[in-house]
Amino acid sequence: MAIMITDECINCGACEPECPNNAIYEGGAEWKLSDGTGLSGEVNNLRGETVNADIDNEAVDMDVYYIVTDKCTECVGFHDEPQCAAVCPVDCCVDDPEHRETEDHLLAKKAFMHL
């Protein structure tokens, strides 16, 4: 499953530089699939959809830091645990029950983003 940041976030920013996928953004910031990945231009994502990795996408949250589900791998393949949760001083980086993924899928997502 992906990780999510709850409304208890104090906007300290400790999590953002820890993400190996650049999946964490400050509230209100637009995001790109290409940010911090090996992707660029038109790509076929893991759902078989063609997307432009360089297009700006709307912020997921306007008030607090947020995690882009399509980029979050829970640090699988990089670290033993999600680094955002490990450094969060208020424990607001938690499992997202709406986005359950197997370890194999998380590894496939990592391989897709980091060619």
C-alpha atoms as a PDB file:
ATOM      1  CA  MET A   1       0.000   0.000   0.000  1.00  0.00           C
ATOM      2  CA  ALA A   2       1.074   3.572  -0.410  1.00  0.00           C
ATOM      3  CA  ILE A   3       1.755   5.950   2.436  1.00  0.00           C
ATOM      4  CA  MET A   4      -0.387   9.015   3.079  1.00  0.00           C
ATOM      5  CA  ILE A   5       0.112  12.140   5.165  1.00  0.00           C
ATOM      6  CA  THR A   6      -2.717  12.959   7.551  1.00  0.00           C
ATOM      7  CA  ASP A   7      -4.138  16.357   8.456  1.00  0.00           C
ATOM      8  CA  GLU A   8      -2.041  16.273  11.626  1.00  0.00           C
ATOM      9  CA  CYS A   9       0.976  17.273   9.485  1.00  0.00           C
ATOM     10  CA  ILE A  10       2.775  20.305  10.920  1.00  0.00           C
ATOM     11  CA  ASN A  11       4.430  21.158   7.573  1.00  0.00           C
ATOM     12  CA  CYS A  12       7.942  20.681   8.941  1.00  0.00           C
ATOM     13  CA  GLY A  13       9.168  19.256   5.628  1.00  0.00           C
ATOM     14  CA  ALA A  14      11.303  16.526   7.204  1.00  0.00           C
ATOM     15  CA  CYS A  15       9.749  13.862   4.970  1.00  0.00           C
ATOM     16  CA  GLU A  16      10.243  15.483   1.576  1.00  0.00           C
ATOM     17  CA  PRO A  17      14.013  15.043   1.122  1.00  0.00           C
ATOM     18  CA  GLU A  18      13.851  11.452   2.428  1.00  0.00           C
ATOM     19  CA  CYS A  19      11.672  10.137  -0.418  1.00  0.00           C
ATOM     20  CA  PRO A  20      13.720   8.252  -3.030  1.00  0.00           C
ATOM     21  CA  ASN A  21      10.929   8.712  -5.591  1.00  0.00           C
ATOM     22  CA  ASN A  22      10.242  12.412  -5.061  1.00  0.00           C
ATOM     23  CA  ALA A  23       6.665  11.420  -4.269  1.00  0.00           C
ATOM     24  CA  ILE A  24       6.249  13.988  -1.476  1.00  0.00           C
ATOM     25  CA  TYR A  25       5.258  17.567  -2.229  1.00  0.00           C
ATOM     26  CA  GLU A  26       4.512  20.656  -0.184  1.00  0.00           C
ATOM     27  CA  GLY A  27       0.839  21.549   0.094  1.00  0.00           C
ATOM     28  CA  GLY A  28      -0.344  23.472  -2.955  1.00  0.00           C
ATOM     29  CA  ALA A  29       2.630  22.445  -5.112  1.00  0.00           C
ATOM     30  CA  GLU A  30       1.993  20.884  -8.512  1.00  0.00           C
ATOM     31  CA  TRP A  31       3.710  17.556  -9.219  1.00  0.00           C
ATOM     32  CA  LYS A  32       5.157  15.685 -12.202  1.00  0.00           C
ATOM     33  CA  LEU A  33       5.677  11.978 -12.698  1.00  0.00           C
ATOM     34  CA  SER A  34       9.144  12.857 -14.024  1.00  0.00           C
ATOM     35  CA  ASP A  35      10.230  14.655 -10.825  1.00  0.00           C
ATOM     36  CA  GLY A  36      13.054  12.594  -9.340  1.00  0.00           C
ATOM     37  CA  THR A  37      12.503   9.629 -11.661  1.00  0.00           C
ATOM     38  CA  GLY A  38      13.960   8.396 -14.939  1.00  0.00           C
ATOM     39  CA  LEU A  39      10.710   9.116 -16.768  1.00  0.00           C
ATOM     40  CA  SER A  40      10.174  11.788 -19.406  1.00  0.00           C
ATOM     41  CA  GLY A  41       7.754  12.457 -22.212  1.00  0.00           C
ATOM     42  CA  GLU A  42       5.015   9.992 -23.139  1.00  0.00           C
ATOM     43  CA  VAL A  43       5.143   6.757 -21.101  1.00  0.00           C
ATOM     44  CA  ASN A  44       2.830   3.813 -20.552  1.00  0.00           C
ATOM     45  CA  ASN A  45       2.148   3.521 -16.831  1.00  0.00           C
ATOM     46  CA  LEU A  46       1.599   0.254 -14.959  1.00  0.00           C
ATOM     47  CA  ARG A  47      -2.162   0.491 -15.642  1.00  0.00           C
ATOM     48  CA  GLY A  48      -1.466   0.538 -19.389  1.00  0.00           C
ATOM     49  CA  GLU A  49      -2.413   4.209 -19.765  1.00  0.00           C
ATOM     50  CA  THR A  50      -0.301   6.580 -21.842  1.00  0.00           C
ATOM     51  CA  VAL A  51       0.633   9.652 -19.805  1.00  0.00           C
ATOM     52  CA  ASN A  52       3.032  12.545 -20.242  1.00  0.00           C
ATOM     53  CA  ALA A  53       5.532  12.363 -17.374  1.00  0.00           C
ATOM     54  CA  ASP A  54       6.468  16.032 -17.822  1.00  0.00           C
ATOM     55  CA  ILE A  55       2.960  17.468 -17.381  1.00  0.00           C
ATOM     56  CA  ASP A  56       2.194  19.440 -14.213  1.00  0.00           C
ATOM     57  CA  ASN A  57      -0.546  17.780 -12.154  1.00  0.00           C
ATOM     58  CA  GLU A  58      -2.743  19.530  -9.618  1.00  0.00           C
ATOM     59  CA  ALA A  59      -1.762  19.468  -5.976  1.00  0.00           C
ATOM     60  CA  VAL A  60      -3.338  16.599  -4.045  1.00  0.00           C
ATOM     61  CA  ASP A  61      -3.617  18.773  -0.919  1.00  0.00           C
ATOM     62  CA  MET A  62      -3.513  22.540  -0.645  1.00  0.00           C
ATOM     63  CA  ASP A  63      -2.690  22.789   3.067  1.00  0.00           C
ATOM     64  CA  VAL A  64      -0.208  20.117   4.113  1.00  0.00           C
ATOM     65  CA  TYR A  65       2.514  18.016   2.519  1.00  0.00           C
ATOM     66  CA  TYR A  66       1.128  15.140   0.469  1.00  0.00           C
ATOM     67  CA  ILE A  67       2.307  11.928  -1.160  1.00  0.00           C
ATOM     68  CA  VAL A  68       1.531  11.087  -4.792  1.00  0.00           C
ATOM     69  CA  THR A  69       0.205   7.533  -4.678  1.00  0.00           C
ATOM     70  CA  ASP A  70       1.382   6.739  -8.218  1.00  0.00           C
ATOM     71  CA  LYS A  71       4.979   7.486  -7.160  1.00  0.00           C
ATOM     72  CA  CYS A  72       5.044   6.012  -3.639  1.00  0.00           C
ATOM     73  CA  THR A  73       6.747   2.623  -3.294  1.00  0.00           C
ATOM     74  CA  GLU A  74       6.891   2.670   0.517  1.00  0.00           C
ATOM     75  CA  CYS A  75      10.668   2.805  -0.044  1.00  0.00           C
ATOM     76  CA  VAL A  76      10.589  -0.868  -1.140  1.00  0.00           C
ATOM     77  CA  GLY A  77      13.801  -1.580  -3.011  1.00  0.00           C
ATOM     78  CA  PHE A  78      15.523   1.377  -1.360  1.00  0.00           C
ATOM     79  CA  HIS A  79      15.129   1.026   2.425  1.00  0.00           C
ATOM     80  CA  ASP A  80      13.759  -1.424   5.004  1.00  0.00           C
ATOM     81  CA  GLU A  81      10.952   0.955   6.002  1.00  0.00           C
ATOM     82  CA  PRO A  82       9.217   4.056   4.637  1.00  0.00           C
ATOM     83  CA  GLN A  83      11.632   6.877   5.340  1.00  0.00           C
ATOM     84  CA  CYS A  84       8.926   9.542   5.560  1.00  0.00           C
ATOM     85  CA  ALA A  85       7.350   7.694   8.483  1.00  0.00           C
ATOM     86  CA  ALA A  86      10.734   7.137  10.101  1.00  0.00           C
ATOM     87  CA  VAL A  87      11.548  10.871  10.233  1.00  0.00           C
ATOM     88  CA  CYS A  88       8.075  12.306  10.856  1.00  0.00           C
ATOM     89  CA  PRO A  89       8.044  13.999  14.287  1.00  0.00           C
ATOM     90  CA  VAL A  90       4.250  13.754  14.648  1.00  0.00           C
ATOM     91  CA  ASP A  91       3.686  10.282  13.128  1.00  0.00           C
ATOM     92  CA  CYS A  92       1.375  11.527  10.370  1.00  0.00           C
ATOM     93  CA  CYS A  93       2.916   9.413   7.574  1.00  0.00           C
ATOM     94  CA  VAL A  94       0.738   6.311   7.747  1.00  0.00           C
ATOM     95  CA  ASP A  95      -0.458   3.420   5.575  1.00  0.00           C
ATOM     96  CA  ASP A  96      -3.117   4.518   3.091  1.00  0.00           C
ATOM     97  CA  PRO A  97      -5.962   1.977   3.377  1.00  0.00           C
ATOM     98  CA  GLU A  98      -7.372   3.153   0.019  1.00  0.00           C
ATOM     99  CA  HIS A  99      -4.225   2.091  -1.884  1.00  0.00           C
ATOM    100  CA  ARG A 100      -3.150  -1.471  -1.102  1.00  0.00           C
ATOM    101  CA  GLU A 101      -0.255  -2.850  -3.158  1.00  0.00           C
ATOM    102  CA  THR A 102       1.833  -6.010  -2.938  1.00  0.00           C
ATOM    103  CA  GLU A 103       5.600  -5.920  -2.556  1.00  0.00           C
ATOM    104  CA  ASP A 104       5.879  -7.217  -6.140  1.00  0.00           C
ATOM    105  CA  HIS A 105       3.764  -4.306  -7.402  1.00  0.00           C
ATOM    106  CA  LEU A 106       5.813  -1.804  -5.394  1.00  0.00           C
ATOM    107  CA  LEU A 107       9.021  -3.239  -6.887  1.00  0.00           C
ATOM    108  CA  ALA A 108       7.494  -3.044 -10.377  1.00  0.00           C
ATOM    109  CA  LYS A 109       6.569   0.601  -9.724  1.00  0.00           C
ATOM    110  CA  LYS A 110      10.145   1.312  -8.605  1.00  0.00           C
ATOM    111  CA  ALA A 111      11.545  -0.367 -11.740  1.00  0.00           C
ATOM    112  CA  PHE A 112       9.131   1.601 -13.934  1.00  0.00           C
ATOM    113  CA  MET A 113      10.123   4.960 -12.456  1.00  0.00           C
ATOM    114  CA  HIS A 114      13.870   4.323 -12.200  1.00  0.00           C
ATOM    115  CA  LEU A 115      14.781   2.892 -15.587  1.00  0.00           C
END
